[in-house]
Amino acid sequence: IDRGAFNKAEDYSVIFLDRFGNEIGRRGIRSDDSVALDQMPDYLIKA
């Protein structure tokens, strides 16, 4: 708590493109914290 040592969620999220610019895959995290709690479905919270 004193150091504020939070875990990093696998550190990075990377989208990979081939030599011509087409997406070929992803590695690392997929993370999104942009949705507020009151916008999430009520049945998801209850479940």
ModelCIF file with pLDDT and N, C-alpha, C, O atoms, coordinates in Angstrom:
data_MODEL
#
_entry.id   MODEL 
#
_entity.id                         1 
_entity.type                       polymer 
_entity.pdbx_number_of_molecules   1 
#
_entity_poly.entity_id                      1 
_entity_poly.type                           'polypeptide(L)' 
_entity_poly.nstd_linkage                   no 
_entity_poly.nstd_monomer                   no 
_entity_poly.pdbx_seq_one_letter_code       IDRGAFNKAEDYSVIFLDRFGNEIGRRGIRSDDSVALDQMPDYLIKA 
_entity_poly.pdbx_seq_one_letter_code_can   IDRGAFNKAEDYSVIFLDRFGNEIGRRGIRSDDSVALDQMPDYLIKA 
_entity_poly.pdbx_strand_id                 A 
#
loop_
_entity_poly_seq.entity_id 
_entity_poly_seq.num 
_entity_poly_seq.mon_id 
_entity_poly_seq.hetero 
1 1  ILE n 
1 2  ASP n 
1 3  ARG n 
1 4  GLY n 
1 5  ALA n 
1 6  PHE n 
1 7  ASN n 
1 8  LYS n 
1 9  ALA n 
1 10 GLU n 
1 11 ASP n 
1 12 TYR n 
1 13 SER n 
1 14 VAL n 
1 15 ILE n 
1 16 PHE n 
1 17 LEU n 
1 18 ASP n 
1 19 ARG n 
1 20 PHE n 
1 21 GLY n 
1 22 ASN n 
1 23 GLU n 
1 24 ILE n 
1 25 GLY n 
1 26 ARG n 
1 27 ARG n 
1 28 GLY n 
1 29 ILE n 
1 30 ARG n 
1 31 SER n 
1 32 ASP n 
1 33 ASP n 
1 34 SER n 
1 35 VAL n 
1 36 ALA n 
1 37 LEU n 
1 38 ASP n 
1 39 GLN n 
1 40 MET n 
1 41 PRO n 
1 42 ASP n 
1 43 TYR n 
1 44 LEU n 
1 45 ILE n 
1 46 LYS n 
1 47 ALA n 
#
_struct_asym.id          A 
_struct_asym.entity_id   1 
#
loop_
_ma_qa_metric.id 
_ma_qa_metric.mode 
_ma_qa_metric.name 
_ma_qa_metric.software_group_id 
_ma_qa_metric.type 
1 global pLDDT . pLDDT 
2 local  pLDDT . pLDDT 
#
_ma_qa_metric_global.metric_id      1 
_ma_qa_metric_global.metric_value   79.02 
_ma_qa_metric_global.model_id       1 
_ma_qa_metric_global.ordinal_id     1 
#
loop_
_ma_qa_metric_local.label_asym_id 
_ma_qa_metric_local.label_comp_id 
_ma_qa_metric_local.label_seq_id 
_ma_qa_metric_local.metric_id 
_ma_qa_metric_local.metric_value 
_ma_qa_metric_local.model_id 
_ma_qa_metric_local.ordinal_id 
A ILE 1  2 57.00 1 1  
A ASP 2  2 58.00 1 2  
A ARG 3  2 56.00 1 3  
A GLY 4  2 53.00 1 4  
A ALA 5  2 50.00 1 5  
A PHE 6  2 51.00 1 6  
A ASN 7  2 49.00 1 7  
A LYS 8  2 50.00 1 8  
A ALA 9  2 45.00 1 9  
A GLU 10 2 50.00 1 10 
A ASP 11 2 61.00 1 11 
A TYR 12 2 81.00 1 12 
A SER 13 2 83.00 1 13 
A VAL 14 2 90.00 1 14 
A ILE 15 2 90.00 1 15 
A PHE 16 2 95.00 1 16 
A LEU 17 2 96.00 1 17 
A ASP 18 2 95.00 1 18 
A ARG 19 2 96.00 1 19 
A PHE 20 2 95.00 1 20 
A GLY 21 2 94.00 1 21 
A ASN 22 2 93.00 1 22 
A GLU 23 2 91.00 1 23 
A ILE 24 2 92.00 1 24 
A GLY 25 2 87.00 1 25 
A ARG 26 2 84.00 1 26 
A ARG 27 2 84.00 1 27 
A GLY 28 2 77.00 1 28 
A ILE 29 2 71.00 1 29 
A ARG 30 2 72.00 1 30 
A SER 31 2 69.00 1 31 
A ASP 32 2 69.00 1 32 
A ASP 33 2 71.00 1 33 
A SER 34 2 74.00 1 34 
A VAL 35 2 86.00 1 35 
A ALA 36 2 88.00 1 36 
A LEU 37 2 90.00 1 37 
A ASP 38 2 90.00 1 38 
A GLN 39 2 92.00 1 39 
A MET 40 2 92.00 1 40 
A PRO 41 2 92.00 1 41 
A ASP 42 2 93.00 1 42 
A TYR 43 2 92.00 1 43 
A LEU 44 2 93.00 1 44 
A ILE 45 2 92.00 1 45 
A LYS 46 2 93.00 1 46 
A ALA 47 2 92.00 1 47 
#
loop_
_atom_site.group_PDB 
_atom_site.id 
_atom_site.type_symbol 
_atom_site.label_atom_id 
_atom_site.label_alt_id 
_atom_site.label_comp_id 
_atom_site.label_asym_id 
_atom_site.label_entity_id 
_atom_site.label_seq_id 
_atom_site.pdbx_PDB_ins_code 
_atom_site.Cartn_x 
_atom_site.Cartn_y 
_atom_site.Cartn_z 
_atom_site.occupancy 
_atom_site.B_iso_or_equiv 
_atom_site.pdbx_formal_charge 
_atom_site.auth_seq_id 
_atom_site.auth_comp_id 
_atom_site.auth_asym_id 
_atom_site.auth_atom_id 
_atom_site.pdbx_PDB_model_num 
ATOM 1   N N  . ILE A 1 1  ? 0.833   -1.205  0.000   1.00 57.00 ? 1  ILE A N  1 
ATOM 2   C CA . ILE A 1 1  ? 0.000   0.000   0.000   1.00 57.00 ? 1  ILE A CA 1 
ATOM 3   C C  . ILE A 1 1  ? 0.865   1.251   0.000   1.00 57.00 ? 1  ILE A C  1 
ATOM 4   O O  . ILE A 1 1  ? 0.573   2.224   -0.695  1.00 57.00 ? 1  ILE A O  1 
ATOM 5   N N  . ASP A 1 2  ? 1.943   1.210   0.796   1.00 58.00 ? 2  ASP A N  1 
ATOM 6   C CA . ASP A 1 2  ? 2.823   2.379   0.884   1.00 58.00 ? 2  ASP A CA 1 
ATOM 7   C C  . ASP A 1 2  ? 3.487   2.674   -0.452  1.00 58.00 ? 2  ASP A C  1 
ATOM 8   O O  . ASP A 1 2  ? 3.652   3.835   -0.825  1.00 58.00 ? 2  ASP A O  1 
ATOM 9   N N  . ARG A 1 3  ? 3.872   1.613   -1.178  1.00 56.00 ? 3  ARG A N  1 
ATOM 10  C CA . ARG A 1 3  ? 4.560   1.805   -2.456  1.00 56.00 ? 3  ARG A CA 1 
ATOM 11  C C  . ARG A 1 3  ? 3.590   1.992   -3.613  1.00 56.00 ? 3  ARG A C  1 
ATOM 12  O O  . ARG A 1 3  ? 3.987   2.452   -4.684  1.00 56.00 ? 3  ARG A O  1 
ATOM 13  N N  . GLY A 1 4  ? 2.323   1.642   -3.411  1.00 53.00 ? 4  GLY A N  1 
ATOM 14  C CA . GLY A 1 4  ? 1.363   1.722   -4.515  1.00 53.00 ? 4  GLY A CA 1 
ATOM 15  C C  . GLY A 1 4  ? 1.707   0.744   -5.619  1.00 53.00 ? 4  GLY A C  1 
ATOM 16  O O  . GLY A 1 4  ? 1.599   1.068   -6.801  1.00 53.00 ? 4  GLY A O  1 
ATOM 17  N N  . ALA A 1 5  ? 2.128   -0.475  -5.226  1.00 50.00 ? 5  ALA A N  1 
ATOM 18  C CA . ALA A 1 5  ? 2.624   -1.461  -6.198  1.00 50.00 ? 5  ALA A CA 1 
ATOM 19  C C  . ALA A 1 5  ? 1.459   -2.211  -6.832  1.00 50.00 ? 5  ALA A C  1 
ATOM 20  O O  . ALA A 1 5  ? 1.161   -3.341  -6.444  1.00 50.00 ? 5  ALA A O  1 
ATOM 21  N N  . PHE A 1 6  ? 0.804   -1.592  -7.796  1.00 51.00 ? 6  PHE A N  1 
ATOM 22  C CA . PHE A 1 6  ? -0.292  -2.238  -8.506  1.00 51.00 ? 6  PHE A CA 1 
ATOM 23  C C  . PHE A 1 6  ? 0.256   -3.219  -9.534  1.00 51.00 ? 6  PHE A C  1 
ATOM 24  O O  . PHE A 1 6  ? 1.296   -2.983  -10.148 1.00 51.00 ? 6  PHE A O  1 
ATOM 25  N N  . ASN A 1 7  ? -0.463  -4.322  -9.709  1.00 49.00 ? 7  ASN A N  1 
ATOM 26  C CA . ASN A 1 7  ? -0.098  -5.259  -10.770 1.00 49.00 ? 7  ASN A CA 1 
ATOM 27  C C  . ASN A 1 7  ? -0.392  -4.636  -12.126 1.00 49.00 ? 7  ASN A C  1 
ATOM 28  O O  . ASN A 1 7  ? -1.423  -3.993  -12.322 1.00 49.00 ? 7  ASN A O  1 
ATOM 29  N N  . LYS A 1 8  ? 0.534   -4.838  -13.058 1.00 50.00 ? 8  LYS A N  1 
ATOM 30  C CA . LYS A 1 8  ? 0.272   -4.440  -14.438 1.00 50.00 ? 8  LYS A CA 1 
ATOM 31  C C  . LYS A 1 8  ? -0.449  -5.580  -15.140 1.00 50.00 ? 8  LYS A C  1 
ATOM 32  O O  . LYS A 1 8  ? -0.035  -6.735  -15.036 1.00 50.00 ? 8  LYS A O  1 
ATOM 33  N N  . ALA A 1 9  ? -1.512  -5.268  -15.845 1.00 45.00 ? 9  ALA A N  1 
ATOM 34  C CA . ALA A 1 9  ? -2.319  -6.293  -16.506 1.00 45.00 ? 9  ALA A CA 1 
ATOM 35  C C  . ALA A 1 9  ? -1.622  -6.787  -17.765 1.00 45.00 ? 9  ALA A C  1 
ATOM 36  O O  . ALA A 1 9  ? -1.977  -6.399  -18.878 1.00 45.00 ? 9  ALA A O  1 
ATOM 37  N N  . GLU A 1 10 ? -0.624  -7.648  -17.578 1.00 50.00 ? 10 GLU A N  1 
ATOM 38  C CA . GLU A 1 10 ? 0.169   -8.229  -18.671 1.00 50.00 ? 10 GLU A CA 1 
ATOM 39  C C  . GLU A 1 10 ? 0.849   -7.164  -19.508 1.00 50.00 ? 10 GLU A C  1 
ATOM 40  O O  . GLU A 1 10 ? 1.304   -7.411  -20.624 1.00 50.00 ? 10 GLU A O  1 
ATOM 41  N N  . ASP A 1 11 ? 0.903   -5.970  -18.934 1.00 61.00 ? 11 ASP A N  1 
ATOM 42  C CA . ASP A 1 11 ? 1.713   -4.883  -19.474 1.00 61.00 ? 11 ASP A CA 1 
ATOM 43  C C  . ASP A 1 11 ? 1.172   -4.251  -20.754 1.00 61.00 ? 11 ASP A C  1 
ATOM 44  O O  . ASP A 1 11 ? 0.809   -3.075  -20.740 1.00 61.00 ? 11 ASP A O  1 
ATOM 45  N N  . TYR A 1 12 ? 1.107   -4.990  -21.856 1.00 81.00 ? 12 TYR A N  1 
ATOM 46  C CA . TYR A 1 12 ? 0.875   -4.319  -23.132 1.00 81.00 ? 12 TYR A CA 1 
ATOM 47  C C  . TYR A 1 12 ? -0.193  -5.024  -23.972 1.00 81.00 ? 12 TYR A C  1 
ATOM 48  O O  . TYR A 1 12 ? -0.462  -6.216  -23.819 1.00 81.00 ? 12 TYR A O  1 
ATOM 49  N N  . SER A 1 13 ? -0.780  -4.240  -24.853 1.00 83.00 ? 13 SER A N  1 
ATOM 50  C CA . SER A 1 13 ? -1.686  -4.767  -25.863 1.00 83.00 ? 13 SER A CA 1 
ATOM 51  C C  . SER A 1 13 ? -1.148  -4.340  -27.230 1.00 83.00 ? 13 SER A C  1 
ATOM 52  O O  . SER A 1 13 ? -0.970  -3.151  -27.491 1.00 83.00 ? 13 SER A O  1 
ATOM 53  N N  . VAL A 1 14 ? -0.889  -5.323  -28.100 1.00 90.00 ? 14 VAL A N  1 
ATOM 54  C CA . VAL A 1 14 ? -0.240  -5.042  -29.379 1.00 90.00 ? 14 VAL A CA 1 
ATOM 55  C C  . VAL A 1 14 ? -1.062  -5.629  -30.517 1.00 90.00 ? 14 VAL A C  1 
ATOM 56  O O  . VAL A 1 14 ? -1.429  -6.804  -30.495 1.00 90.00 ? 14 VAL A O  1 
ATOM 57  N N  . ILE A 1 15 ? -1.344  -4.798  -31.508 1.00 90.00 ? 15 ILE A N  1 
ATOM 58  C CA . ILE A 1 15 ? -1.981  -5.239  -32.757 1.00 90.00 ? 15 ILE A CA 1 
ATOM 59  C C  . ILE A 1 15 ? -0.884  -5.375  -33.806 1.00 90.00 ? 15 ILE A C  1 
ATOM 60  O O  . ILE A 1 15 ? -0.121  -4.436  -34.036 1.00 90.00 ? 15 ILE A O  1 
ATOM 61  N N  . PHE A 1 16 ? -0.803  -6.534  -34.439 1.00 95.00 ? 16 PHE A N  1 
ATOM 62  C CA . PHE A 1 16 ? 0.245   -6.788  -35.423 1.00 95.00 ? 16 PHE A CA 1 
ATOM 63  C C  . PHE A 1 16 ? -0.318  -6.736  -36.845 1.00 95.00 ? 16 PHE A C  1 
ATOM 64  O O  . PHE A 1 16 ? -1.397  -7.259  -37.126 1.00 95.00 ? 16 PHE A O  1 
ATOM 65  N N  . LEU A 1 17 ? 0.431   -6.100  -37.717 1.00 96.00 ? 17 LEU A N  1 
ATOM 66  C CA . LEU A 1 17 ? 0.087   -6.005  -39.133 1.00 96.00 ? 17 LEU A CA 1 
ATOM 67  C C  . LEU A 1 17 ? 1.138   -6.739  -39.949 1.00 96.00 ? 17 LEU A C  1 
ATOM 68  O O  . LEU A 1 17 ? 2.294   -6.838  -39.537 1.00 96.00 ? 17 LEU A O  1 
ATOM 69  N N  . ASP A 1 18 ? 0.733   -7.258  -41.118 1.00 95.00 ? 18 ASP A N  1 
ATOM 70  C CA . ASP A 1 18 ? 1.729   -7.885  -41.988 1.00 95.00 ? 18 ASP A CA 1 
ATOM 71  C C  . ASP A 1 18 ? 2.484   -6.797  -42.755 1.00 95.00 ? 18 ASP A C  1 
ATOM 72  O O  . ASP A 1 18 ? 2.287   -5.607  -42.510 1.00 95.00 ? 18 ASP A O  1 
ATOM 73  N N  . ARG A 1 19 ? 3.329   -7.203  -43.663 1.00 96.00 ? 19 ARG A N  1 
ATOM 74  C CA . ARG A 1 19 ? 4.177   -6.232  -44.368 1.00 96.00 ? 19 ARG A CA 1 
ATOM 75  C C  . ARG A 1 19 ? 3.372   -5.273  -45.230 1.00 96.00 ? 19 ARG A C  1 
ATOM 76  O O  . ARG A 1 19 ? 3.858   -4.198  -45.584 1.00 96.00 ? 19 ARG A O  1 
ATOM 77  N N  . PHE A 1 20 ? 2.138   -5.656  -45.573 1.00 95.00 ? 20 PHE A N  1 
ATOM 78  C CA . PHE A 1 20 ? 1.291   -4.812  -46.413 1.00 95.00 ? 20 PHE A CA 1 
ATOM 79  C C  . PHE A 1 20 ? 0.272   -4.013  -45.611 1.00 95.00 ? 20 PHE A C  1 
ATOM 80  O O  . PHE A 1 20 ? -0.538  -3.295  -46.198 1.00 95.00 ? 20 PHE A O  1 
ATOM 81  N N  . GLY A 1 21 ? 0.293   -4.119  -44.275 1.00 94.00 ? 21 GLY A N  1 
ATOM 82  C CA . GLY A 1 21 ? -0.598  -3.324  -43.443 1.00 94.00 ? 21 GLY A CA 1 
ATOM 83  C C  . GLY A 1 21 ? -1.890  -3.991  -43.040 1.00 94.00 ? 21 GLY A C  1 
ATOM 84  O O  . GLY A 1 21 ? -2.767  -3.329  -42.486 1.00 94.00 ? 21 GLY A O  1 
ATOM 85  N N  . ASN A 1 22 ? -2.044  -5.298  -43.299 1.00 93.00 ? 22 ASN A N  1 
ATOM 86  C CA . ASN A 1 22 ? -3.255  -6.016  -42.912 1.00 93.00 ? 22 ASN A CA 1 
ATOM 87  C C  . ASN A 1 22 ? -3.071  -6.627  -41.521 1.00 93.00 ? 22 ASN A C  1 
ATOM 88  O O  . ASN A 1 22 ? -2.004  -7.155  -41.209 1.00 93.00 ? 22 ASN A O  1 
ATOM 89  N N  . GLU A 1 23 ? -4.108  -6.554  -40.693 1.00 91.00 ? 23 GLU A N  1 
ATOM 90  C CA . GLU A 1 23 ? -4.000  -7.120  -39.352 1.00 91.00 ? 23 GLU A CA 1 
ATOM 91  C C  . GLU A 1 23 ? -3.890  -8.639  -39.423 1.00 91.00 ? 23 GLU A C  1 
ATOM 92  O O  . GLU A 1 23 ? -4.653  -9.298  -40.128 1.00 91.00 ? 23 GLU A O  1 
ATOM 93  N N  . ILE A 1 24 ? -2.927  -9.183  -38.678 1.00 92.00 ? 24 ILE A N  1 
ATOM 94  C CA . ILE A 1 24 ? -2.713  -10.634 -38.673 1.00 92.00 ? 24 ILE A CA 1 
ATOM 95  C C  . ILE A 1 24 ? -2.900  -11.241 -37.292 1.00 92.00 ? 24 ILE A C  1 
ATOM 96  O O  . ILE A 1 24 ? -2.870  -12.464 -37.154 1.00 92.00 ? 24 ILE A O  1 
ATOM 97  N N  . GLY A 1 25 ? -3.091  -10.426 -36.277 1.00 87.00 ? 25 GLY A N  1 
ATOM 98  C CA . GLY A 1 25 ? -3.301  -10.977 -34.942 1.00 87.00 ? 25 GLY A CA 1 
ATOM 99  C C  . GLY A 1 25 ? -2.991  -9.966  -33.867 1.00 87.00 ? 25 GLY A C  1 
ATOM 100 O O  . GLY A 1 25 ? -2.528  -8.856  -34.130 1.00 87.00 ? 25 GLY A O  1 
ATOM 101 N N  . ARG A 1 26 ? -3.263  -10.387 -32.644 1.00 84.00 ? 26 ARG A N  1 
ATOM 102 C CA . ARG A 1 26 ? -3.022  -9.537  -31.482 1.00 84.00 ? 26 ARG A CA 1 
ATOM 103 C C  . ARG A 1 26 ? -2.360  -10.369 -30.394 1.00 84.00 ? 26 ARG A C  1 
ATOM 104 O O  . ARG A 1 26 ? -2.513  -11.589 -30.325 1.00 84.00 ? 26 ARG A O  1 
ATOM 105 N N  . ARG A 1 27 ? -1.628  -9.672  -29.559 1.00 84.00 ? 27 ARG A N  1 
ATOM 106 C CA . ARG A 1 27 ? -1.014  -10.303 -28.403 1.00 84.00 ? 27 ARG A CA 1 
ATOM 107 C C  . ARG A 1 27 ? -1.098  -9.338  -27.218 1.00 84.00 ? 27 ARG A C  1 
ATOM 108 O O  . ARG A 1 27 ? -1.259  -8.129  -27.385 1.00 84.00 ? 27 ARG A O  1 
ATOM 109 N N  . GLY A 1 28 ? -0.984  -9.907  -26.025 1.00 77.00 ? 28 GLY A N  1 
ATOM 110 C CA . GLY A 1 28 ? -1.059  -9.101  -24.825 1.00 77.00 ? 28 GLY A CA 1 
ATOM 111 C C  . GLY A 1 28 ? -2.490  -8.935  -24.379 1.00 77.00 ? 28 GLY A C  1 
ATOM 112 O O  . GLY A 1 28 ? -3.332  -9.794  -24.640 1.00 77.00 ? 28 GLY A O  1 
ATOM 113 N N  . ILE A 1 29 ? -2.770  -7.840  -23.709 1.00 71.00 ? 29 ILE A N  1 
ATOM 114 C CA . ILE A 1 29 ? -4.078  -7.631  -23.114 1.00 71.00 ? 29 ILE A CA 1 
ATOM 115 C C  . ILE A 1 29 ? -5.039  -6.979  -24.096 1.00 71.00 ? 29 ILE A C  1 
ATOM 116 O O  . ILE A 1 29 ? -4.638  -6.295  -25.037 1.00 71.00 ? 29 ILE A O  1 
ATOM 117 N N  . ARG A 1 30 ? -6.312  -7.213  -23.846 1.00 72.00 ? 30 ARG A N  1 
ATOM 118 C CA . ARG A 1 30 ? -7.367  -6.393  -24.441 1.00 72.00 ? 30 ARG A CA 1 
ATOM 119 C C  . ARG A 1 30 ? -8.101  -5.788  -23.259 1.00 72.00 ? 30 ARG A C  1 
ATOM 120 O O  . ARG A 1 30 ? -8.732  -6.505  -22.482 1.00 72.00 ? 30 ARG A O  1 
ATOM 121 N N  . SER A 1 31 ? -8.023  -4.511  -23.124 1.00 69.00 ? 31 SER A N  1 
ATOM 122 C CA . SER A 1 31 ? -8.556  -3.859  -21.930 1.00 69.00 ? 31 SER A CA 1 
ATOM 123 C C  . SER A 1 31 ? -9.353  -2.625  -22.321 1.00 69.00 ? 31 SER A C  1 
ATOM 124 O O  . SER A 1 31 ? -8.988  -1.899  -23.245 1.00 69.00 ? 31 SER A O  1 
ATOM 125 N N  . ASP A 1 32 ? -10.462 -2.396  -21.594 1.00 69.00 ? 32 ASP A N  1 
ATOM 126 C CA . ASP A 1 32 ? -11.302 -1.223  -21.852 1.00 69.00 ? 32 ASP A CA 1 
ATOM 127 C C  . ASP A 1 32 ? -12.054 -0.902  -20.563 1.00 69.00 ? 32 ASP A C  1 
ATOM 128 O O  . ASP A 1 32 ? -12.884 -1.691  -20.110 1.00 69.00 ? 32 ASP A O  1 
ATOM 129 N N  . ASP A 1 33 ? -11.761 0.255   -19.977 1.00 71.00 ? 33 ASP A N  1 
ATOM 130 C CA . ASP A 1 33 ? -12.434 0.665   -18.745 1.00 71.00 ? 33 ASP A CA 1 
ATOM 131 C C  . ASP A 1 33 ? -13.303 1.899   -18.962 1.00 71.00 ? 33 ASP A C  1 
ATOM 132 O O  . ASP A 1 33 ? -13.560 2.667   -18.035 1.00 71.00 ? 33 ASP A O  1 
ATOM 133 N N  . SER A 1 34 ? -13.749 2.074   -20.205 1.00 74.00 ? 34 SER A N  1 
ATOM 134 C CA . SER A 1 34 ? -14.455 3.311   -20.561 1.00 74.00 ? 34 SER A CA 1 
ATOM 135 C C  . SER A 1 34 ? -15.938 3.292   -20.218 1.00 74.00 ? 34 SER A C  1 
ATOM 136 O O  . SER A 1 34 ? -16.587 4.336   -20.286 1.00 74.00 ? 34 SER A O  1 
ATOM 137 N N  . VAL A 1 35 ? -16.500 2.134   -19.851 1.00 86.00 ? 35 VAL A N  1 
ATOM 138 C CA . VAL A 1 35 ? -17.939 2.039   -19.594 1.00 86.00 ? 35 VAL A CA 1 
ATOM 139 C C  . VAL A 1 35 ? -18.192 2.184   -18.098 1.00 86.00 ? 35 VAL A C  1 
ATOM 140 O O  . VAL A 1 35 ? -17.626 1.441   -17.296 1.00 86.00 ? 35 VAL A O  1 
ATOM 141 N N  . ALA A 1 36 ? -19.024 3.121   -17.727 1.00 88.00 ? 36 ALA A N  1 
ATOM 142 C CA . ALA A 1 36 ? -19.356 3.346   -16.324 1.00 88.00 ? 36 ALA A CA 1 
ATOM 143 C C  . ALA A 1 36 ? -20.221 2.207   -15.794 1.00 88.00 ? 36 ALA A C  1 
ATOM 144 O O  . ALA A 1 36 ? -20.865 1.492   -16.561 1.00 88.00 ? 36 ALA A O  1 
ATOM 145 N N  . LEU A 1 37 ? -20.223 2.049   -14.462 1.00 90.00 ? 37 LEU A N  1 
ATOM 146 C CA . LEU A 1 37 ? -20.972 0.952   -13.855 1.00 90.00 ? 37 LEU A CA 1 
ATOM 147 C C  . LEU A 1 37 ? -22.466 1.075   -14.116 1.00 90.00 ? 37 LEU A C  1 
ATOM 148 O O  . LEU A 1 37 ? -23.136 0.066   -14.338 1.00 90.00 ? 37 LEU A O  1 
ATOM 149 N N  . ASP A 1 38 ? -22.996 2.285   -14.093 1.00 90.00 ? 38 ASP A N  1 
ATOM 150 C CA . ASP A 1 38 ? -24.438 2.450   -14.296 1.00 90.00 ? 38 ASP A CA 1 
ATOM 151 C C  . ASP A 1 38 ? -24.859 2.226   -15.743 1.00 90.00 ? 38 ASP A C  1 
ATOM 152 O O  . ASP A 1 38 ? -26.054 2.167   -16.035 1.00 90.00 ? 38 ASP A O  1 
ATOM 153 N N  . GLN A 1 39 ? -23.882 2.099   -16.667 1.00 92.00 ? 39 GLN A N  1 
ATOM 154 C CA . GLN A 1 39 ? -24.203 1.817   -18.065 1.00 92.00 ? 39 GLN A CA 1 
ATOM 155 C C  . GLN A 1 39 ? -24.164 0.320   -18.370 1.00 92.00 ? 39 GLN A C  1 
ATOM 156 O O  . GLN A 1 39 ? -24.597 -0.112  -19.439 1.00 92.00 ? 39 GLN A O  1 
ATOM 157 N N  . MET A 1 40 ? -23.647 -0.466  -17.432 1.00 92.00 ? 40 MET A N  1 
ATOM 158 C CA . MET A 1 40 ? -23.585 -1.909  -17.646 1.00 92.00 ? 40 MET A CA 1 
ATOM 159 C C  . MET A 1 40 ? -24.938 -2.530  -17.373 1.00 92.00 ? 40 MET A C  1 
ATOM 160 O O  . MET A 1 40 ? -25.691 -2.019  -16.543 1.00 92.00 ? 40 MET A O  1 
ATOM 161 N N  . PRO A 1 41 ? -25.269 -3.627  -18.054 1.00 92.00 ? 41 PRO A N  1 
ATOM 162 C CA . PRO A 1 41 ? -26.579 -4.265  -17.850 1.00 92.00 ? 41 PRO A CA 1 
ATOM 163 C C  . PRO A 1 41 ? -26.775 -4.683  -16.395 1.00 92.00 ? 41 PRO A C  1 
ATOM 164 O O  . PRO A 1 41 ? -25.856 -5.187  -15.749 1.00 92.00 ? 41 PRO A O  1 
ATOM 165 N N  . ASP A 1 42 ? -27.972 -4.468  -15.900 1.00 93.00 ? 42 ASP A N  1 
ATOM 166 C CA . ASP A 1 42 ? -28.275 -4.802  -14.512 1.00 93.00 ? 42 ASP A CA 1 
ATOM 167 C C  . ASP A 1 42 ? -28.130 -6.294  -14.261 1.00 93.00 ? 42 ASP A C  1 
ATOM 168 O O  . ASP A 1 42 ? -27.674 -6.699  -13.192 1.00 93.00 ? 42 ASP A O  1 
ATOM 169 N N  . TYR A 1 43 ? -28.515 -7.127  -15.243 1.00 92.00 ? 43 TYR A N  1 
ATOM 170 C CA . TYR A 1 43 ? -28.418 -8.572  -15.026 1.00 92.00 ? 43 TYR A CA 1 
ATOM 171 C C  . TYR A 1 43 ? -26.967 -9.060  -15.032 1.00 92.00 ? 43 TYR A C  1 
ATOM 172 O O  . TYR A 1 43 ? -26.681 -10.117 -14.469 1.00 92.00 ? 43 TYR A O  1 
ATOM 173 N N  . LEU A 1 44 ? -26.054 -8.324  -15.648 1.00 93.00 ? 44 LEU A N  1 
ATOM 174 C CA . LEU A 1 44 ? -24.640 -8.694  -15.543 1.00 93.00 ? 44 LEU A CA 1 
ATOM 175 C C  . LEU A 1 44 ? -24.137 -8.480  -14.116 1.00 93.00 ? 44 LEU A C  1 
ATOM 176 O O  . LEU A 1 44 ? -23.411 -9.312  -13.571 1.00 93.00 ? 44 LEU A O  1 
ATOM 177 N N  . ILE A 1 45 ? -24.532 -7.354  -13.519 1.00 92.00 ? 45 ILE A N  1 
ATOM 178 C CA . ILE A 1 45 ? -24.127 -7.066  -12.136 1.00 92.00 ? 45 ILE A CA 1 
ATOM 179 C C  . ILE A 1 45 ? -24.742 -8.089  -11.185 1.00 92.00 ? 45 ILE A C  1 
ATOM 180 O O  . ILE A 1 45 ? -24.060 -8.604  -10.299 1.00 92.00 ? 45 ILE A O  1 
ATOM 181 N N  . LYS A 1 46 ? -26.032 -8.385  -11.367 1.00 93.00 ? 46 LYS A N  1 
ATOM 182 C CA . LYS A 1 46 ? -26.695 -9.347  -10.487 1.00 93.00 ? 46 LYS A CA 1 
ATOM 183 C C  . LYS A 1 46 ? -26.112 -10.751 -10.652 1.00 93.00 ? 46 LYS A C  1 
ATOM 184 O O  . LYS A 1 46 ? -25.933 -11.467 -9.667  1.00 93.00 ? 46 LYS A O  1 
ATOM 185 N N  . ALA A 1 47 ? -25.817 -11.146 -11.884 1.00 92.00 ? 47 ALA A N  1 
ATOM 186 C CA . ALA A 1 47 ? -25.242 -12.477 -12.114 1.00 92.00 ? 47 ALA A CA 1 
ATOM 187 C C  . ALA A 1 47 ? -23.883 -12.608 -11.444 1.00 92.00 ? 47 ALA A C  1 
ATOM 188 O O  . ALA A 1 47 ? -23.251 -13.661 -11.531 1.00 92.00 ? 47 ALA A O  1 
#
